[in-house]
Amino acid sequence: MYCDQPTTNQPGRPNSLEREHIFPRSRGGNSDPVNRGPACLTCNRQKGPRTPEEWYRWRLQRDGALVTEMNQNYIKIRFLLDPADWHGASSELLWTEPIWGGTKKIFRLMNSPFYARGVSFLDIVDVVPASDGAGLDYAATIEKSGHSTIWLLVPSPPPLGFDNYWSSLQQLGCTYEYSSEDTEVGKRRLYSVDVPTETDIDRVLSTIEQGQSKDIWIFQIGDLAHKRDNGQKTRN
C-alpha cells in the first residue's frame, strides 16, 4: 500500500483495491508474486511506470516539497531553451538517471519538463559537456518512452471546476508536477502533465480542450508521442 488509506473491493472507485507491479512491466518487471503488491486504484494509476522510490519522490515534488537531491545516483541535465518563448527562460534543469548504453552512459529523464519541448518523462537522452563548464547539456533523444507532456497554465488559486476536470484526467492515468509562475496577468500555476503510454490521448485532449473552453486553464502540448485515432502524431 502506498497511501495507507482505506480501500474497497468494489471495482472502479478511486480507493478500489488492486494488485500492482512493484517494478513496472513497461521496464521489464514480471508478474511473479514477489513483484506484485496491493495498491488503491488512484495510487496504482499515479505510480504508472515508476518504481516505488520514484513515485514517492514524484509525490514530494507534486506537493511542492523542496527536493534538492533526488538520489546520489541521479544528476541534472541542462536543456537549452529559446528565451523568446513564452516562459522567457534560457535553460531548464531536469533530473536524470544514468544508465549504461553499451559503450557509454546515457540518461533516462525522471522529471516531466516544464519548458523543454519534445521530451517527456522516462525518455532516454544523450548529452554533451556544457560549453560553459556548467555540467552536461542535452544533445539528442535516443529512445522515446511513449509518454506525452502537456502544459496547463492555471490561475492561482485554481478556479471552480478545476478539481472536476483534473479528476477526469487523473482517472485516465495522468499525473502532474507543478510550479508557480509570475505572468503579465498575475500569479499562475504551471502544471506539467505526464500522459502515460497506455492512456487514451484522444480522451485526454478532449478533456483538456473542454477545460480551456471553460476558462479553467490554457494549454500547450510540450511533447506528443501518442498517436491519435486517425494515426496523426501532430499538434506539438
Protein backbone atom coordinates (compact mmCIF):
# COMPACT_ATOMS: atom_id res chain seq x y z
CA MET A 1 0.00 0.00 0.00
CA TYR A 2 1.23 3.49 -0.80
CA CYS A 3 -1.24 5.96 0.73
CA ASP A 4 -2.38 3.95 3.79
CA GLN A 5 -6.00 4.92 3.10
CA PRO A 6 -8.98 2.53 3.48
CA THR A 7 -9.76 0.53 0.33
CA THR A 8 -12.82 -1.21 -1.06
CA ASN A 9 -13.32 -4.35 -3.13
CA GLN A 10 -15.90 -2.56 -5.27
CA PRO A 11 -14.31 -2.01 -8.71
CA GLY A 12 -13.97 1.34 -10.43
CA ARG A 13 -13.75 3.52 -7.33
CA PRO A 14 -10.73 5.77 -6.52
CA ASN A 15 -9.93 3.56 -3.49
CA SER A 16 -10.65 0.20 -5.18
CA LEU A 17 -8.10 -2.41 -4.12
CA GLU A 18 -5.86 -3.62 -6.96
CA ARG A 19 -2.70 -5.68 -7.39
CA GLU A 20 0.10 -3.63 -8.92
CA HIS A 21 3.50 -4.47 -10.36
CA ILE A 22 6.10 -3.14 -7.91
CA PHE A 23 8.77 -2.98 -10.61
CA PRO A 24 6.81 -1.86 -13.68
CA ARG A 25 6.13 -4.26 -16.54
CA SER A 26 6.97 -1.49 -19.03
CA ARG A 27 10.53 -1.55 -17.68
CA GLY A 28 10.97 -5.32 -17.59
CA GLY A 29 9.10 -6.27 -14.42
CA ASN A 30 7.40 -9.67 -14.35
CA SER A 31 4.14 -10.90 -12.86
CA ASP A 32 5.69 -13.20 -10.26
CA PRO A 33 4.02 -12.94 -6.82
CA VAL A 34 7.15 -11.33 -5.36
CA ASN A 35 6.71 -8.41 -7.82
CA ARG A 36 3.00 -7.89 -7.05
CA GLY A 37 1.62 -5.80 -4.23
CA PRO A 38 -1.63 -4.15 -3.08
CA ALA A 39 -2.46 -0.59 -4.11
CA CYS A 40 -5.59 1.51 -4.43
CA LEU A 41 -6.71 2.40 -7.96
CA THR A 42 -5.61 6.04 -7.57
CA CYS A 43 -2.08 5.22 -6.37
CA ASN A 44 -1.71 2.49 -8.99
CA ARG A 45 -2.62 4.92 -11.80
CA GLN A 46 -0.38 7.65 -10.40
CA LYS A 47 2.55 5.29 -9.92
CA GLY A 48 2.31 4.15 -13.55
CA PRO A 49 5.75 3.14 -14.87
CA ARG A 50 7.59 4.41 -11.79
CA THR A 51 9.28 2.33 -9.11
CA PRO A 52 8.00 2.91 -5.55
CA GLU A 53 11.02 5.14 -4.84
CA GLU A 54 10.40 7.21 -7.95
CA TRP A 55 6.70 7.51 -7.12
CA TYR A 56 7.34 8.80 -3.59
CA ARG A 57 9.84 11.30 -4.97
CA TRP A 58 7.34 12.45 -7.59
CA ARG A 59 4.70 12.92 -4.88
CA LEU A 60 7.07 15.17 -2.93
CA GLN A 61 7.67 17.31 -5.99
CA ARG A 62 4.00 17.42 -6.94
CA ASP A 63 3.02 18.57 -3.45
CA GLY A 64 5.58 21.37 -3.54
CA ALA A 65 8.17 19.85 -1.21
CA LEU A 66 11.70 21.16 -1.54
CA VAL A 67 13.71 18.48 -3.31
CA THR A 68 17.35 19.45 -3.66
CA GLU A 69 18.71 15.95 -4.29
CA MET A 70 16.72 13.07 -5.71
CA ASN A 71 19.23 10.30 -5.33
CA GLN A 72 23.01 10.17 -5.09
CA ASN A 73 22.99 8.36 -8.47
CA TYR A 74 20.80 10.95 -10.20
CA ILE A 75 22.16 14.04 -11.90
CA LYS A 76 20.66 17.12 -13.52
CA ILE A 77 20.90 17.69 -17.26
CA ARG A 78 20.54 21.17 -18.72
CA PHE A 79 18.16 21.76 -21.62
CA LEU A 80 18.92 24.97 -23.51
CA LEU A 81 15.80 26.95 -24.39
CA ASP A 82 14.75 29.89 -26.53
CA PRO A 83 14.28 32.85 -24.13
CA ALA A 84 11.95 34.41 -26.72
CA ASP A 85 9.42 31.65 -25.93
CA TRP A 86 6.55 32.44 -23.56
CA HIS A 87 8.46 31.40 -20.40
CA GLY A 88 11.48 33.69 -21.03
CA ALA A 89 13.89 31.07 -19.64
CA SER A 90 17.21 30.27 -21.30
CA SER A 91 17.52 26.78 -19.80
CA GLU A 92 15.81 24.13 -17.70
CA LEU A 93 17.40 21.51 -15.44
CA LEU A 94 15.84 18.05 -15.30
CA TRP A 95 16.74 15.11 -13.09
CA THR A 96 18.03 12.05 -14.94
CA GLU A 97 19.09 8.53 -14.10
CA PRO A 98 22.41 7.48 -15.67
CA ILE A 99 22.18 4.10 -17.39
CA TRP A 100 24.65 2.09 -19.41
CA GLY A 101 24.24 2.46 -23.16
CA GLY A 102 26.69 -0.20 -24.31
CA THR A 103 29.80 1.93 -24.72
CA LYS A 104 28.89 4.99 -22.67
CA LYS A 105 26.45 6.37 -20.14
CA ILE A 106 23.14 7.67 -21.38
CA PHE A 107 20.37 9.20 -19.29
CA ARG A 108 16.70 8.49 -18.50
CA LEU A 109 14.55 11.53 -17.68
CA MET A 110 12.99 11.35 -14.21
CA ASN A 111 11.03 14.64 -14.42
CA SER A 112 8.26 15.93 -16.61
CA PRO A 113 9.63 19.09 -18.26
CA PHE A 114 8.02 22.48 -17.69
CA TYR A 115 9.62 24.30 -20.61
CA ALA A 116 11.72 21.90 -22.72
CA ARG A 117 9.82 20.82 -25.82
CA GLY A 118 9.99 17.42 -27.49
CA VAL A 119 10.88 15.32 -24.43
CA SER A 120 8.86 13.51 -21.76
CA PHE A 121 9.19 11.51 -18.57
CA LEU A 122 11.34 8.35 -18.97
CA ASP A 123 12.73 9.35 -22.40
CA ILE A 124 16.35 8.25 -22.81
CA VAL A 125 18.67 11.02 -23.95
CA ASP A 126 22.29 11.64 -24.89
CA VAL A 127 24.34 14.54 -23.54
CA VAL A 128 27.43 16.63 -24.26
CA PRO A 129 29.67 18.54 -21.87
CA ALA A 130 28.33 22.07 -21.44
CA SER A 131 30.42 24.61 -23.38
CA ASP A 132 30.42 26.93 -20.34
CA GLY A 133 31.54 24.17 -18.00
CA ALA A 134 28.16 24.02 -16.25
CA GLY A 135 27.79 20.24 -16.24
CA LEU A 136 26.03 18.34 -19.04
CA ASP A 137 23.74 19.62 -21.78
CA TYR A 138 21.04 17.69 -23.61
CA ALA A 139 22.23 16.61 -27.06
CA ALA A 140 19.60 14.26 -28.53
CA THR A 141 16.81 11.85 -27.70
CA ILE A 142 17.88 8.23 -28.12
CA GLU A 143 14.66 6.44 -27.24
CA LYS A 144 11.16 7.75 -26.63
CA SER A 145 9.29 6.33 -23.64
CA GLY A 146 5.92 6.73 -25.32
CA HIS A 147 4.81 9.30 -22.74
CA SER A 148 3.49 12.71 -23.76
CA THR A 149 3.73 16.06 -21.95
CA ILE A 150 1.00 18.69 -21.84
CA TRP A 151 1.32 22.03 -20.04
CA LEU A 152 -1.60 23.67 -18.27
CA LEU A 153 -1.43 27.29 -17.13
CA VAL A 154 -3.97 27.70 -14.33
CA PRO A 155 -4.99 30.77 -12.29
CA SER A 156 -3.79 30.74 -8.69
CA PRO A 157 -5.80 29.70 -6.77
CA PRO A 158 -7.41 27.34 -9.33
CA PRO A 159 -10.94 28.30 -10.45
CA LEU A 160 -14.11 26.43 -9.57
CA GLY A 161 -14.35 23.41 -11.78
CA PHE A 162 -10.61 22.67 -11.81
CA ASP A 163 -10.93 19.69 -9.47
CA ASN A 164 -13.62 18.09 -11.62
CA TYR A 165 -11.63 18.44 -14.83
CA TRP A 166 -8.41 17.29 -13.20
CA SER A 167 -10.22 14.29 -11.67
CA SER A 168 -11.22 13.25 -15.20
CA LEU A 169 -7.58 13.41 -16.33
CA GLN A 170 -6.41 11.55 -13.24
CA GLN A 171 -8.86 8.75 -13.90
CA LEU A 172 -7.31 8.42 -17.36
CA GLY A 173 -3.90 7.87 -15.73
CA CYS A 174 -2.42 11.37 -15.96
CA THR A 175 -0.17 12.78 -13.24
CA TYR A 176 1.50 16.16 -12.85
CA GLU A 177 4.20 18.29 -11.31
CA TYR A 178 3.57 22.00 -10.86
CA SER A 179 5.39 25.26 -10.26
CA SER A 180 4.33 28.83 -9.54
CA GLU A 181 4.76 31.36 -12.35
CA ASP A 182 4.66 35.16 -12.37
CA THR A 183 2.98 36.26 -15.59
CA GLU A 184 1.79 39.54 -17.06
CA VAL A 185 -1.70 38.75 -15.82
CA GLY A 186 -0.67 37.72 -12.31
CA LYS A 187 0.24 34.54 -10.45
CA ARG A 188 -0.36 31.30 -12.29
CA ARG A 189 0.31 27.63 -11.64
CA LEU A 190 2.08 25.74 -14.39
CA TYR A 191 1.14 22.06 -14.44
CA SER A 192 3.38 19.70 -16.39
CA VAL A 193 1.06 16.80 -17.10
CA ASP A 194 2.53 13.38 -17.82
CA VAL A 195 0.38 11.21 -20.09
CA PRO A 196 1.46 7.54 -19.78
CA THR A 197 1.94 5.34 -22.81
CA GLU A 198 -1.24 3.31 -22.36
CA THR A 199 -3.51 6.34 -21.82
CA ASP A 200 -6.15 7.26 -24.43
CA ILE A 201 -4.70 10.51 -25.78
CA ASP A 202 -7.90 11.45 -27.61
CA ARG A 203 -9.88 11.41 -24.37
CA VAL A 204 -7.13 13.37 -22.61
CA LEU A 205 -7.06 16.08 -25.28
CA SER A 206 -10.85 16.25 -25.38
CA THR A 207 -10.96 16.86 -21.63
CA ILE A 208 -8.18 19.45 -21.80
CA GLU A 209 -9.85 21.29 -24.67
CA GLN A 210 -13.12 21.35 -22.72
CA GLY A 211 -11.27 22.79 -19.72
CA GLN A 212 -9.80 25.53 -21.86
CA SER A 213 -13.21 26.36 -23.33
CA LYS A 214 -14.49 26.84 -19.75
CA ASP A 215 -11.52 29.12 -18.82
CA ILE A 216 -10.18 26.54 -16.35
CA TRP A 217 -6.75 26.71 -17.99
CA ILE A 218 -4.91 27.38 -21.19
CA PHE A 219 -2.77 24.60 -22.56
CA GLN A 220 0.15 23.79 -24.81
CA ILE A 221 1.49 20.44 -25.92
CA GLY A 222 5.14 20.13 -25.00
CA ASP A 223 5.64 16.68 -26.48
CA LEU A 224 3.18 14.36 -28.22
CA ALA A 225 4.47 10.80 -28.51
CA HIS A 226 1.00 9.24 -28.69
CA LYS A 227 -0.76 8.66 -31.97
CA ARG A 228 -4.30 9.91 -32.42
CA ASP A 229 -7.06 7.55 -33.59
CA ASN A 230 -6.63 8.97 -37.07
CA GLY A 231 -2.94 7.98 -36.99
CA GLN A 232 -1.67 11.53 -36.75
CA LYS A 233 1.06 12.40 -34.27
CA THR A 234 0.97 16.17 -34.65
CA ARG A 235 -0.25 19.10 -32.50
CA ASN A 236 3.14 19.81 -30.83
